C-alpha atoms as a PDB file:
ATOM      1  CA  ARG A   1       0.000   0.000   0.000  1.00  0.00           C
ATOM      2  CA  ILE A   2       1.059   3.580  -0.579  1.00  0.00           C
ATOM      3  CA  PHE A   3       0.215   6.220   2.026  1.00  0.00           C
ATOM      4  CA  LEU A   4       0.170   9.878   0.930  1.00  0.00           C
ATOM      5  CA  ARG A   5       0.481  12.822   3.299  1.00  0.00           C
ATOM      6  CA  ASP A   6       0.887  16.533   2.500  1.00  0.00           C
ATOM      7  CA  LEU A   7       3.379  18.208   4.841  1.00  0.00           C
ATOM      8  CA  GLY A   8       1.786  21.663   4.717  1.00  0.00           C
ATOM      9  CA  SER A   9       2.646  22.643   1.137  1.00  0.00           C
ATOM     10  CA  THR A  10       1.599  26.135   0.048  1.00  0.00           C
ATOM     11  CA  ASN A  11      -0.502  25.123  -2.963  1.00  0.00           C
ATOM     12  CA  GLY A  12      -1.711  21.792  -1.640  1.00  0.00           C
ATOM     13  CA  THR A  13      -1.865  18.206  -2.837  1.00  0.00           C
ATOM     14  CA  PHE A  14      -5.094  17.062  -4.506  1.00  0.00           C
ATOM     15  CA  VAL A  15      -6.373  13.509  -4.878  1.00  0.00           C
ATOM     16  CA  ASN A  16      -9.182  13.109  -7.423  1.00  0.00           C
ATOM     17  CA  GLY A  17      -9.741  16.877  -7.295  1.00  0.00           C
ATOM     18  CA  VAL A  18     -10.063  17.070  -3.476  1.00  0.00           C
ATOM     19  CA  ARG A  19      -7.368  18.667  -1.336  1.00  0.00           C
ATOM     20  CA  ALA A  20      -5.683  16.081   0.861  1.00  0.00           C
ATOM     21  CA  THR A  21      -5.693  17.728   4.294  1.00  0.00           C
ATOM     22  CA  LYS A  22      -5.107  14.422   6.090  1.00  0.00           C
ATOM     23  CA  GLY A  23      -3.058  11.397   5.177  1.00  0.00           C
ATOM     24  CA  LEU A  24      -4.758   8.730   3.086  1.00  0.00           C
ATOM     25  CA  MET A  25      -4.138   5.378   1.455  1.00  0.00           C
ATOM     26  CA  LEU A  26      -4.058   5.600  -2.337  1.00  0.00           C
ATOM     27  CA  GLU A  27      -6.417   3.398  -4.339  1.00  0.00           C
ATOM     28  CA  VAL A  28      -5.927   2.047  -7.853  1.00  0.00           C
ATOM     29  CA  GLY A  29      -6.804   4.742 -10.397  1.00  0.00           C
ATOM     30  CA  ASP A  30      -6.359   7.715  -8.030  1.00  0.00           C
ATOM     31  CA  ARG A  31      -5.299  10.955  -9.737  1.00  0.00           C
ATOM     32  CA  ILE A  32      -2.898  13.203  -7.827  1.00  0.00           C
ATOM     33  CA  ASN A  33      -2.271  16.872  -8.647  1.00  0.00           C
ATOM     34  CA  ILE A  34       0.709  18.715  -7.178  1.00  0.00           C
ATOM     35  CA  GLY A  35       1.219  22.142  -8.730  1.00  0.00           C
ATOM     36  CA  PRO A  36       1.616  21.718 -12.498  1.00  0.00           C
ATOM     37  CA  PHE A  37       2.145  17.937 -12.174  1.00  0.00           C
ATOM     38  CA  SER A  38      -0.643  15.430 -12.807  1.00  0.00           C
ATOM     39  CA  LEU A  39       0.150  11.969 -11.426  1.00  0.00           C
ATOM     40  CA  HIS A  40      -1.624   8.619 -11.610  1.00  0.00           C
ATOM     41  CA  PHE A  41      -1.488   5.642  -9.211  1.00  0.00           C
ATOM     42  CA  ASP A  42      -1.881   2.267 -10.941  1.00  0.00           C
ATOM     43  CA  GLY A  43      -1.735   0.148  -7.787  1.00  0.00           C
ATOM     44  CA  ARG A  44       2.012  -0.380  -7.936  1.00  0.00           C
ATOM     45  CA  GLN A  45       3.594   2.969  -8.736  1.00  0.00           C
ATOM     46  CA  ILE A  46       2.928   6.661  -9.338  1.00  0.00           C
ATOM     47  CA  THR A  47       3.587   7.987 -12.820  1.00  0.00           C
ATOM     48  CA  GLY A  48       2.909  11.309 -14.538  1.00  0.00           C
ATOM     49  CA  GLN A  49       4.269  14.406 -16.169  1.00  0.00           C
ATOM     50  CA  SER A  50       4.303  18.184 -15.933  1.00  0.00           C
ATOM     51  CA  TRP A  51       1.678  20.168 -17.863  1.00  0.00           C
ATOM     52  CA  GLN A  52       4.011  23.117 -18.376  1.00  0.00           C
ATOM     53  CA  GLY A  53       3.975  23.917 -22.087  1.00  0.00           C
ATOM     54  CA  ASP A  54       1.319  21.271 -22.733  1.00  0.00           C
ATOM     55  CA  VAL A  55      -2.055  22.669 -21.581  1.00  0.00           C
ATOM     56  CA  ARG A  56      -5.047  22.158 -23.872  1.00  0.00           C
ATOM     57  CA  LEU A  57      -8.278  24.053 -23.097  1.00  0.00           C
ATOM     58  CA  THR A  58     -11.532  22.792 -24.585  1.00  0.00           C
ATOM     59  CA  GLY A  59     -15.104  23.935 -24.021  1.00  0.00           C
ATOM     60  CA  TYR A  60     -17.845  21.558 -25.173  1.00  0.00           C
ATOM     61  CA  ALA A  61     -21.388  22.785 -25.954  1.00  0.00           C
ATOM     62  CA  LEU A  62     -21.178  25.677 -23.486  1.00  0.00           C
ATOM     63  CA  SER A  63     -24.362  27.606 -22.686  1.00  0.00           C
ATOM     64  CA  LYS A  64     -25.094  30.138 -19.964  1.00  0.00           C
ATOM     65  CA  ASP A  65     -28.559  31.246 -18.805  1.00  0.00           C
ATOM     66  CA  VAL A  66     -29.370  34.141 -16.487  1.00  0.00           C
ATOM     67  CA  ARG A  67     -32.650  35.575 -15.281  1.00  0.00           C
ATOM     68  CA  ASP A  68     -33.972  38.635 -17.137  1.00  0.00           C
ATOM     69  CA  ASN A  69     -34.207  41.582 -14.713  1.00  0.00           C
ATOM     70  CA  VAL A  70     -37.456  42.829 -16.282  1.00  0.00           C
ATOM     71  CA  SER A  71     -39.476  39.740 -17.195  1.00  0.00           C
ATOM     72  CA  GLY A  72     -37.909  37.308 -14.744  1.00  0.00           C
ATOM     73  CA  GLU A  73     -37.669  34.763 -17.572  1.00  0.00           C
ATOM     74  CA  PRO A  74     -34.492  32.805 -18.363  1.00  0.00           C
ATOM     75  CA  LEU A  75     -32.228  34.652 -20.792  1.00  0.00           C
ATOM     76  CA  ARG A  76     -29.523  32.808 -22.777  1.00  0.00           C
ATOM     77  CA  ILE A  77     -26.312  34.851 -22.982  1.00  0.00           C
ATOM     78  CA  LEU A  78     -24.054  32.029 -24.236  1.00  0.00           C
ATOM     79  CA  ASP A  79     -25.470  29.595 -26.776  1.00  0.00           C
ATOM     80  CA  ASN A  80     -23.943  26.159 -27.407  1.00  0.00           C
ATOM     81  CA  VAL A  81     -20.318  27.200 -27.958  1.00  0.00           C
ATOM     82  CA  THR A  82     -17.629  24.599 -28.630  1.00  0.00           C
ATOM     83  CA  VAL A  83     -14.068  25.868 -28.786  1.00  0.00           C
ATOM     84  CA  ASP A  84     -10.694  24.135 -28.710  1.00  0.00           C
ATOM     85  CA  ILE A  85      -7.426  25.865 -27.779  1.00  0.00           C
ATOM     86  CA  ALA A  86      -4.284  23.831 -28.289  1.00  0.00           C
ATOM     87  CA  PRO A  87      -1.148  23.988 -26.098  1.00  0.00           C
ATOM     88  CA  ARG A  88       0.957  27.130 -26.670  1.00  0.00           C
ATOM     89  CA  GLU A  89      -1.781  28.863 -28.681  1.00  0.00           C
ATOM     90  CA  PHE A  90      -2.524  32.584 -28.367  1.00  0.00           C
ATOM     91  CA  VAL A  91      -6.255  33.000 -29.040  1.00  0.00           C
ATOM     92  CA  CYS A  92      -8.309  36.207 -29.153  1.00  0.00           C
ATOM     93  CA  LEU A  93     -12.054  36.378 -28.520  1.00  0.00           C
ATOM     94  CA  LEU A  94     -13.588  38.979 -30.853  1.00  0.00           C
ATOM     95  CA  GLY A  95     -17.069  40.388 -31.374  1.00  0.00           C
ATOM     96  CA  PRO A  96     -19.269  43.441 -30.840  1.00  0.00           C
ATOM     97  CA  SER A  97     -20.438  44.556 -27.399  1.00  0.00           C
ATOM     98  CA  GLY A  98     -22.996  42.177 -25.949  1.00  0.00           C
ATOM     99  CA  SER A  99     -21.863  39.244 -28.074  1.00  0.00           C
ATOM    100  CA  GLY A 100     -20.832  37.092 -25.113  1.00  0.00           C
ATOM    101  CA  LYS A 101     -17.035  37.431 -25.248  1.00  0.00           C
ATOM    102  CA  SER A 102     -16.678  38.126 -21.531  1.00  0.00           C
ATOM    103  CA  THR A 103     -19.249  35.462 -20.650  1.00  0.00           C
ATOM    104  CA  LEU A 104     -17.280  32.899 -22.630  1.00  0.00           C
ATOM    105  CA  MET A 105     -14.034  34.069 -21.026  1.00  0.00           C
ATOM    106  CA  ASN A 106     -15.519  33.747 -17.533  1.00  0.00           C
ATOM    107  CA  VAL A 107     -16.733  30.212 -18.245  1.00  0.00           C
ATOM    108  CA  LEU A 108     -13.439  29.123 -19.834  1.00  0.00           C
ATOM    109  CA  SER A 109     -11.465  30.527 -16.894  1.00  0.00           C
ATOM    110  CA  GLY A 110     -13.601  28.859 -14.228  1.00  0.00           C
ATOM    111  CA  ARG A 111     -14.965  32.120 -12.802  1.00  0.00           C
ATOM    112  CA  SER A 112     -18.478  31.257 -13.981  1.00  0.00           C
ATOM    113  CA  VAL A 113     -20.208  27.869 -14.169  1.00  0.00           C
ATOM    114  CA  PRO A 114     -21.980  27.087 -17.465  1.00  0.00           C
ATOM    115  CA  SER A 115     -25.663  26.170 -17.408  1.00  0.00           C
ATOM    116  CA  GLU A 116     -24.841  23.434 -19.914  1.00  0.00           C
ATOM    117  CA  GLY A 117     -21.642  21.916 -21.245  1.00  0.00           C
ATOM    118  CA  ARG A 118     -18.229  21.355 -19.755  1.00  0.00           C
ATOM    119  CA  VAL A 119     -14.713  22.831 -19.836  1.00  0.00           C
ATOM    120  CA  LEU A 120     -11.710  20.496 -19.864  1.00  0.00           C
ATOM    121  CA  VAL A 121      -8.102  21.373 -19.092  1.00  0.00           C
ATOM    122  CA  ASN A 122      -6.323  18.485 -20.770  1.00  0.00           C
ATOM    123  CA  ASP A 123      -8.398  15.586 -19.412  1.00  0.00           C
ATOM    124  CA  LEU A 124      -9.669  17.286 -16.231  1.00  0.00           C
ATOM    125  CA  GLY A 125     -12.979  19.090 -15.775  1.00  0.00           C
ATOM    126  CA  LEU A 126     -12.062  22.692 -14.951  1.00  0.00           C
ATOM    127  CA  HIS A 127     -15.000  23.494 -12.671  1.00  0.00           C
ATOM    128  CA  GLU A 128     -15.009  20.155 -10.871  1.00  0.00           C
ATOM    129  CA  ASN A 129     -11.251  20.366 -10.204  1.00  0.00           C
ATOM    130  CA  PHE A 130     -10.831  24.128  -9.951  1.00  0.00           C
ATOM    131  CA  ASP A 131      -8.997  24.095  -6.599  1.00  0.00           C
ATOM    132  CA  ALA A 132      -6.462  21.630  -7.959  1.00  0.00           C
ATOM    133  CA  LEU A 133      -5.993  23.514 -11.238  1.00  0.00           C
ATOM    134  CA  LYS A 134      -6.052  27.044  -9.791  1.00  0.00           C
ATOM    135  CA  PRO A 135      -2.275  27.298  -9.179  1.00  0.00           C
ATOM    136  CA  ASP A 136      -1.727  26.820 -12.918  1.00  0.00           C
ATOM    137  CA  ILE A 137      -4.170  29.595 -13.947  1.00  0.00           C
ATOM    138  CA  ALA A 138      -3.593  33.374 -14.128  1.00  0.00           C
ATOM    139  CA  MET A 139      -5.969  36.222 -14.969  1.00  0.00           C
ATOM    140  CA  VAL A 140      -4.985  39.777 -15.938  1.00  0.00           C
ATOM    141  CA  GLU A 141      -7.848  42.263 -15.710  1.00  0.00           C
ATOM    142  CA  GLN A 142      -8.437  45.397 -17.773  1.00  0.00           C
ATOM    143  CA  HIS A 143      -7.689  47.698 -14.824  1.00  0.00           C
ATOM    144  CA  ASN A 144      -4.259  47.783 -13.210  1.00  0.00           C
ATOM    145  CA  VAL A 145      -4.352  46.270  -9.719  1.00  0.00           C
ATOM    146  CA  LEU A 146      -0.820  47.020  -8.506  1.00  0.00           C
ATOM    147  CA  HIS A 147      -0.402  49.758  -5.875  1.00  0.00           C
ATOM    148  CA  GLU A 148       1.046  52.801  -7.608  1.00  0.00           C
ATOM    149  CA  ASP A 149       3.038  54.019  -4.582  1.00  0.00           C
ATOM    150  CA  LEU A 150       5.146  50.849  -4.541  1.00  0.00           C
ATOM    151  CA  THR A 151       8.161  50.265  -6.712  1.00  0.00           C
ATOM    152  CA  LEU A 152       7.816  47.486  -9.253  1.00  0.00           C
ATOM    153  CA  GLY A 153      10.313  45.406  -7.270  1.00  0.00           C
ATOM    154  CA  GLN A 154       8.298  45.832  -4.060  1.00  0.00           C
ATOM    155  CA  ALA A 155       5.013  44.933  -5.769  1.00  0.00           C
ATOM    156  CA  LEU A 156       6.484  41.825  -7.372  1.00  0.00           C
ATOM    157  CA  GLY A 157       8.162  40.900  -4.095  1.00  0.00           C
ATOM    158  CA  TYR A 158       4.853  40.979  -2.217  1.00  0.00           C
ATOM    159  CA  ALA A 159       3.181  38.986  -5.006  1.00  0.00           C
ATOM    160  CA  ALA A 160       5.993  36.414  -4.808  1.00  0.00           C
ATOM    161  CA  GLU A 161       5.452  36.008  -1.048  1.00  0.00           C
ATOM    162  CA  LEU A 162       1.764  35.300  -1.695  1.00  0.00           C
ATOM    163  CA  ARG A 163       2.096  33.011  -4.722  1.00  0.00           C
ATOM    164  CA  LEU A 164       5.370  31.151  -4.324  1.00  0.00           C
ATOM    165  CA  PRO A 165       6.132  28.414  -1.739  1.00  0.00           C
ATOM    166  CA  SER A 166       6.724  29.837   1.735  1.00  0.00           C
ATOM    167  CA  ASP A 167       9.878  27.737   2.195  1.00  0.00           C
ATOM    168  CA  LEU A 168      11.509  29.180  -0.931  1.00  0.00           C
ATOM    169  CA  ALA A 169      14.827  30.829  -0.100  1.00  0.00           C
ATOM    170  CA  GLY A 170      14.896  34.624  -0.303  1.00  0.00           C
ATOM    171  CA  GLU A 171      17.604  34.612  -2.973  1.00  0.00           C
ATOM    172  CA  ALA A 172      15.597  32.195  -5.128  1.00  0.00           C
ATOM    173  CA  ARG A 173      12.483  34.359  -4.731  1.00  0.00           C
ATOM    174  CA  SER A 174      14.452  37.446  -5.782  1.00  0.00           C
ATOM    175  CA  ASP A 175      15.718  35.607  -8.849  1.00  0.00           C
ATOM    176  CA  ILE A 176      12.143  34.711  -9.828  1.00  0.00           C
ATOM    177  CA  VAL A 177      11.045  38.341  -9.388  1.00  0.00           C
ATOM    178  CA  ALA A 178      13.924  39.545 -11.579  1.00  0.00           C
ATOM    179  CA  LYS A 179      13.111  36.933 -14.216  1.00  0.00           C
ATOM    180  CA  ALA A 180       9.428  37.909 -14.223  1.00  0.00           C
ATOM    181  CA  ALA A 181      10.370  41.549 -14.808  1.00  0.00           C
ATOM    182  CA  ASP A 182      12.813  40.566 -17.557  1.00  0.00           C
ATOM    183  CA  ASN A 183      10.123  38.470 -19.264  1.00  0.00           C
ATOM    184  CA  VAL A 184       7.993  41.596 -19.760  1.00  0.00           C
ATOM    185  CA  GLU A 185      11.013  43.773 -20.615  1.00  0.00           C
ATOM    186  CA  LEU A 186      10.899  45.729 -17.347  1.00  0.00           C
ATOM    187  CA  GLY A 187      14.066  44.376 -15.782  1.00  0.00           C
ATOM    188  CA  ASP A 188      15.534  47.887 -15.652  1.00  0.00           C
ATOM    189  CA  ARG A 189      12.429  49.338 -13.944  1.00  0.00           C
ATOM    190  CA  LEU A 190      12.381  47.358 -10.679  1.00  0.00           C
ATOM    191  CA  GLY A 191      13.328  50.476  -8.706  1.00  0.00           C
ATOM    192  CA  ASN A 192      10.687  52.697 -10.344  1.00  0.00           C
ATOM    193  CA  GLN A 193       7.395  53.554  -8.660  1.00  0.00           C
ATOM    194  CA  ILE A 194       4.521  51.952 -10.540  1.00  0.00           C
ATOM    195  CA  GLY A 195       2.751  55.319 -10.673  1.00  0.00           C
ATOM    196  CA  THR A 196       5.601  56.725 -12.793  1.00  0.00           C
ATOM    197  CA  LEU A 197       5.366  53.979 -15.441  1.00  0.00           C
ATOM    198  CA  SER A 198       3.636  54.529 -18.776  1.00  0.00           C
ATOM    199  CA  GLY A 199       0.280  52.920 -19.525  1.00  0.00           C
ATOM    200  CA  GLY A 200       1.867  50.095 -21.485  1.00  0.00           C
ATOM    201  CA  GLN A 201       4.490  49.504 -18.806  1.00  0.00           C
ATOM    202  CA  LYS A 202       1.760  49.256 -16.145  1.00  0.00           C
ATOM    203  CA  LYS A 203       0.005  46.591 -18.225  1.00  0.00           C
ATOM    204  CA  ARG A 204       3.274  44.677 -18.478  1.00  0.00           C
ATOM    205  CA  ALA A 205       3.851  45.096 -14.731  1.00  0.00           C
ATOM    206  CA  SER A 206       0.438  43.522 -14.015  1.00  0.00           C
ATOM    207  CA  LEU A 207       1.309  40.741 -16.436  1.00  0.00           C
ATOM    208  CA  SER A 208       4.583  40.023 -14.659  1.00  0.00           C
ATOM    209  CA  SER A 209       2.817  39.932 -11.274  1.00  0.00           C
ATOM    210  CA  GLU A 210       0.282  37.367 -12.464  1.00  0.00           C
ATOM    211  CA  THR A 211       2.835  35.130 -14.188  1.00  0.00           C
ATOM    212  CA  LEU A 212       5.457  34.889 -11.431  1.00  0.00           C
ATOM    213  CA  ASN A 213       4.764  31.179 -10.989  1.00  0.00           C
ATOM    214  CA  ARG A 214       4.704  30.553 -14.778  1.00  0.00           C
ATOM    215  CA  PRO A 215       1.111  29.325 -15.079  1.00  0.00           C
ATOM    216  CA  GLY A 216       0.105  27.068 -17.948  1.00  0.00           C
ATOM    217  CA  LEU A 217      -3.100  29.019 -18.631  1.00  0.00           C
ATOM    218  CA  LEU A 218      -3.234  32.811 -18.963  1.00  0.00           C
ATOM    219  CA  TYR A 219      -6.462  34.809 -19.443  1.00  0.00           C
ATOM    220  CA  LEU A 220      -6.503  38.507 -20.340  1.00  0.00           C
ATOM    221  CA  ASP A 221      -9.541  40.789 -20.329  1.00  0.00           C
ATOM    222  CA  GLU A 222      -9.183  43.904 -22.524  1.00  0.00           C
ATOM    223  CA  VAL A 223      -5.577  44.484 -21.423  1.00  0.00           C
ATOM    224  CA  THR A 224      -4.814  46.574 -24.522  1.00  0.00           C
ATOM    225  CA  SER A 225      -7.756  48.919 -23.982  1.00  0.00           C
ATOM    226  CA  GLY A 226      -6.716  52.583 -24.114  1.00  0.00           C
ATOM    227  CA  LEU A 227      -3.216  51.915 -25.448  1.00  0.00           C
ATOM    228  CA  ASP A 228      -1.788  53.569 -28.552  1.00  0.00           C
ATOM    229  CA  GLU A 229      -1.113  51.377 -31.576  1.00  0.00           C
ATOM    230  CA  GLN A 230       2.639  51.051 -30.969  1.00  0.00           C
ATOM    231  CA  THR A 231       2.140  50.046 -27.314  1.00  0.00           C
ATOM    232  CA  ASP A 232      -0.583  47.594 -28.359  1.00  0.00           C
ATOM    233  CA  TRP A 233       1.883  46.074 -30.850  1.00  0.00           C
ATOM    234  CA  GLU A 234       4.524  45.693 -28.148  1.00  0.00           C
ATOM    235  CA  LEU A 235       2.125  44.023 -25.730  1.00  0.00           C
ATOM    236  CA  MET A 236       0.703  41.642 -28.356  1.00  0.00           C
ATOM    237  CA  ARG A 237       4.238  40.700 -29.420  1.00  0.00           C
ATOM    238  CA  LEU A 238       5.073  39.959 -25.781  1.00  0.00           C
ATOM    239  CA  LEU A 239       1.984  37.755 -25.386  1.00  0.00           C
ATOM    240  CA  ARG A 240       2.912  35.805 -28.509  1.00  0.00           C
ATOM    241  CA  GLN A 241       6.382  35.224 -27.064  1.00  0.00           C
ATOM    242  CA  MET A 242       4.818  33.916 -23.851  1.00  0.00           C
ATOM    243  CA  ALA A 243       2.679  31.505 -25.859  1.00  0.00           C
ATOM    244  CA  ASP A 244       5.685  30.337 -27.860  1.00  0.00           C
ATOM    245  CA  ASN A 245       7.505  29.761 -24.550  1.00  0.00           C
ATOM    246  CA  GLY A 246       4.803  27.458 -23.190  1.00  0.00           C
ATOM    247  CA  MET A 247       1.667  29.299 -22.053  1.00  0.00           C
ATOM    248  CA  THR A 248      -1.814  28.742 -23.450  1.00  0.00           C
ATOM    249  CA  ILE A 249      -3.319  32.248 -23.717  1.00  0.00           C
ATOM    250  CA  VAL A 250      -6.913  33.460 -24.123  1.00  0.00           C
ATOM    251  CA  CYS A 251      -7.510  37.192 -24.626  1.00  0.00           C
ATOM    252  CA  VAL A 252     -10.669  39.280 -24.974  1.00  0.00           C
ATOM    253  CA  THR A 253      -9.971  42.388 -27.040  1.00  0.00           C
ATOM    254  CA  HIS A 254     -11.654  45.178 -28.982  1.00  0.00           C
ATOM    255  CA  THR A 255      -8.337  46.339 -30.445  1.00  0.00           C
ATOM    256  CA  LEU A 256      -7.821  44.499 -33.727  1.00  0.00           C
ATOM    257  CA  ALA A 257      -4.777  46.207 -35.251  1.00  0.00           C
ATOM    258  CA  ASN A 258      -2.257  43.511 -34.272  1.00  0.00           C
ATOM    259  CA  VAL A 259      -4.425  40.416 -33.844  1.00  0.00           C
ATOM    260  CA  GLU A 260      -3.689  39.066 -37.311  1.00  0.00           C
ATOM    261  CA  ALA A 261       0.075  39.486 -36.871  1.00  0.00           C
ATOM    262  CA  PHE A 262       0.409  37.725 -33.514  1.00  0.00           C
ATOM    263  CA  CYS A 263      -2.574  35.457 -32.755  1.00  0.00           C
ATOM    264  CA  HIS A 264      -2.720  31.808 -33.747  1.00  0.00           C
ATOM    265  CA  LYS A 265      -6.513  31.739 -33.717  1.00  0.00           C
ATOM    266  CA  VAL A 266      -9.589  33.944 -33.279  1.00  0.00           C
ATOM    267  CA  VAL A 267     -13.037  33.111 -31.929  1.00  0.00           C
ATOM    268  CA  VAL A 268     -15.692  35.451 -33.367  1.00  0.00           C
ATOM    269  CA  MET A 269     -18.817  35.879 -31.248  1.00  0.00           C
ATOM    270  CA  GLY A 270     -22.159  37.337 -32.356  1.00  0.00           C
ATOM    271  CA  SER A 271     -25.159  38.409 -30.273  1.00  0.00           C
ATOM    272  CA  PRO A 272     -26.592  36.808 -28.257  1.00  0.00           C
ATOM    273  CA  GLY A 273     -23.657  34.599 -27.269  1.00  0.00           C
ATOM    274  CA  VAL A 274     -23.408  32.699 -30.571  1.00  0.00           C
ATOM    275  CA  MET A 275     -20.038  31.587 -31.929  1.00  0.00           C
ATOM    276  CA  THR A 276     -19.944  32.469 -35.635  1.00  0.00           C
ATOM    277  CA  PHE A 277     -16.370  31.408 -36.431  1.00  0.00           C
ATOM    278  CA  THR A 278     -13.221  29.913 -34.934  1.00  0.00           C
ATOM    279  CA  GLY A 279      -9.962  29.470 -36.811  1.00  0.00           C
ATOM    280  CA  THR A 280      -6.894  31.349 -37.981  1.00  0.00           C
ATOM    281  CA  PRO A 281      -7.150  35.095 -38.646  1.00  0.00           C
ATOM    282  CA  SER A 282      -6.498  34.520 -42.358  1.00  0.00           C
ATOM    283  CA  ASP A 283      -9.334  31.963 -42.524  1.00  0.00           C
ATOM    284  CA  ALA A 284     -11.603  34.444 -40.736  1.00  0.00           C
ATOM    285  CA  LEU A 285     -10.930  37.026 -43.444  1.00  0.00           C
ATOM    286  CA  ALA A 286     -11.742  34.484 -46.149  1.00  0.00           C
ATOM    287  CA  PHE A 287     -14.855  33.171 -44.380  1.00  0.00           C
ATOM    288  CA  PHE A 288     -16.384  36.625 -43.855  1.00  0.00           C
ATOM    289  CA  ASP A 289     -15.019  37.894 -47.220  1.00  0.00           C
ATOM    290  CA  VAL A 290     -13.399  40.993 -45.724  1.00  0.00           C
ATOM    291  CA  LYS A 291      -9.964  42.590 -46.082  1.00  0.00           C
ATOM    292  CA  SER A 292      -9.467  43.372 -42.391  1.00  0.00           C
ATOM    293  CA  LEU A 293     -10.713  41.882 -39.135  1.00  0.00           C
ATOM    294  CA  GLY A 294     -12.565  45.133 -38.383  1.00  0.00           C
ATOM    295  CA  GLY A 295     -14.768  44.459 -41.409  1.00  0.00           C
ATOM    296  CA  ILE A 296     -16.197  41.373 -39.687  1.00  0.00           C
ATOM    297  CA  PHE A 297     -18.373  43.504 -37.405  1.00  0.00           C
ATOM    298  CA  GLY A 298     -20.177  45.025 -40.368  1.00  0.00           C
ATOM    299  CA  ARG A 299     -20.733  41.583 -41.882  1.00  0.00           C
ATOM    300  CA  LEU A 300     -22.228  40.317 -38.629  1.00  0.00           C
ATOM    301  CA  ARG A 301     -24.907  43.031 -38.856  1.00  0.00           C
ATOM    302  CA  GLU A 302     -26.043  41.775 -42.266  1.00  0.00           C
ATOM    303  CA  GLU A 303     -27.520  38.507 -41.000  1.00  0.00           C
ATOM    304  CA  PRO A 304     -28.555  36.962 -37.655  1.00  0.00           C
ATOM    305  CA  SER A 305     -25.744  35.308 -35.730  1.00  0.00           C
ATOM    306  CA  THR A 306     -27.502  31.952 -35.985  1.00  0.00           C
ATOM    307  CA  ALA A 307     -27.323  32.209 -39.788  1.00  0.00           C
ATOM    308  CA  TRP A 308     -23.570  32.827 -39.581  1.00  0.00           C
ATOM    309  CA  ARG A 309     -23.242  29.849 -37.260  1.00  0.00           C
ATOM    310  CA  ARG A 310     -24.989  27.589 -39.780  1.00  0.00           C
ATOM    311  CA  ARG A 311     -22.760  28.968 -42.518  1.00  0.00           C
ATOM    312  CA  PHE A 312     -19.686  28.247 -40.416  1.00  0.00           C
ATOM    313  CA  GLU A 313     -20.846  24.683 -39.705  1.00  0.00           C
ATOM    314  CA  GLN A 314     -21.152  24.154 -43.468  1.00  0.00           C
ATOM    315  CA  TRP A 315     -17.730  25.734 -44.007  1.00  0.00           C
ATOM    316  CA  VAL A 316     -16.205  23.324 -41.466  1.00  0.00           C
ATOM    317  CA  GLU A 317     -17.805  20.381 -43.274  1.00  0.00           C
ATOM    318  CA  ASP A 318     -16.688  21.592 -46.708  1.00  0.00           C
ATOM    319  CA  HIS A 319     -13.102  22.180 -45.598  1.00  0.00           C
ATOM    320  CA  GLY A 320     -12.800  19.069 -43.435  1.00  0.00           C
ATOM    321  CA  VAL A 321     -11.802  21.133 -40.396  1.00  0.00           C
ATOM    322  CA  ALA A 322     -12.428  19.808 -36.887  1.00  0.00           C
ATOM    323  CA  ALA A 323     -13.717  22.559 -34.596  1.00  0.00           C
ATOM    324  CA  ALA A 324     -12.631  20.499 -31.561  1.00  0.00           C
ATOM    325  CA  PRO A 325     -11.408  16.978 -30.831  1.00  0.00           C
ATOM    326  CA  PRO A 326     -14.123  14.415 -30.105  1.00  0.00           C
ATOM    327  CA  PRO A 327     -15.356  14.859 -26.523  1.00  0.00           C
ATOM    328  CA  PRO A 328     -14.426  12.128 -24.038  1.00  0.00           C
ATOM    329  CA  ASP A 329     -17.238  10.263 -22.332  1.00  0.00           C
ATOM    330  CA  GLY A 330     -19.415  12.694 -20.394  1.00  0.00           C
ATOM    331  CA  ALA A 331     -17.487  15.790 -21.498  1.00  0.00           C
ATOM    332  CA  ALA A 332     -20.534  17.531 -22.932  1.00  0.00           C
ATOM    333  CA  GLN A 333     -22.802  16.663 -20.032  1.00  0.00           C
ATOM    334  CA  HIS A 334     -25.062  19.262 -18.417  1.00  0.00           C
ATOM    335  CA  ASN A 335     -23.898  20.586 -15.088  1.00  0.00           C
END
């Protein structure tokens, strides 16, 4: 028999999605999650691998219903969306206001539970195993959350104390802070007050704070909002580098200037919460018959979103493209 006991680790040890607060005997088939490592007990030994650089995110038949404030009737704000994001992909969610981009983002990131459907991170249900998967997930909001009176080094230092193991040596923690700043090209700004940084530098500072522990999944909500075109280009280039270096990245954006140059894939949403296209930016241009991604919004106004969805389903069939891998047993179940 194998007995497992967590000795007070910062991020916890999870067995079959439940944090192991007391020692327990492992049973055949038990799944163990420790940080970015997913392990399996076959009755004789424990085997597994790290997910770093190998995180696939898939949403199957996702729908979200809320109650209408006026009529009190159920209102569908996300309608049967299936989306597949491969490891190391940088994907942007596009669409007009009210199209369900943020709703889809919240469901894919585990912040909101779908009314129907299921989200998988590799082979694990995101919502059912959120506590186990949480250490490998980061979210960067539209608004800067770092205290502007602190220096960048101080802010990252405090974040490191919160997010990194408590028994990590001070020198090792300082090295991680310096590396995080270097990764967003702010290594020479550690002594600067955050309030003195430019808008783009503040966005990068928030990004470095959230990615100190090198998560496998990174979500960004309108992080390029309000930036000039050059700063937007710099930030999008940086995100593409992070994807190439191992992160799976999902970004909601209204700024389209640099999406085609840096994103692997786009997901185009139409009101109310209908996915009208998913694929490469160049395929999106061909599908909507436009010369720029901004032209898609005008095309979406020409027909109902459900008509575009049917057209996309036919396009997938004609081109032999798989929108997502076949769901495993029970993946598309209702919650």
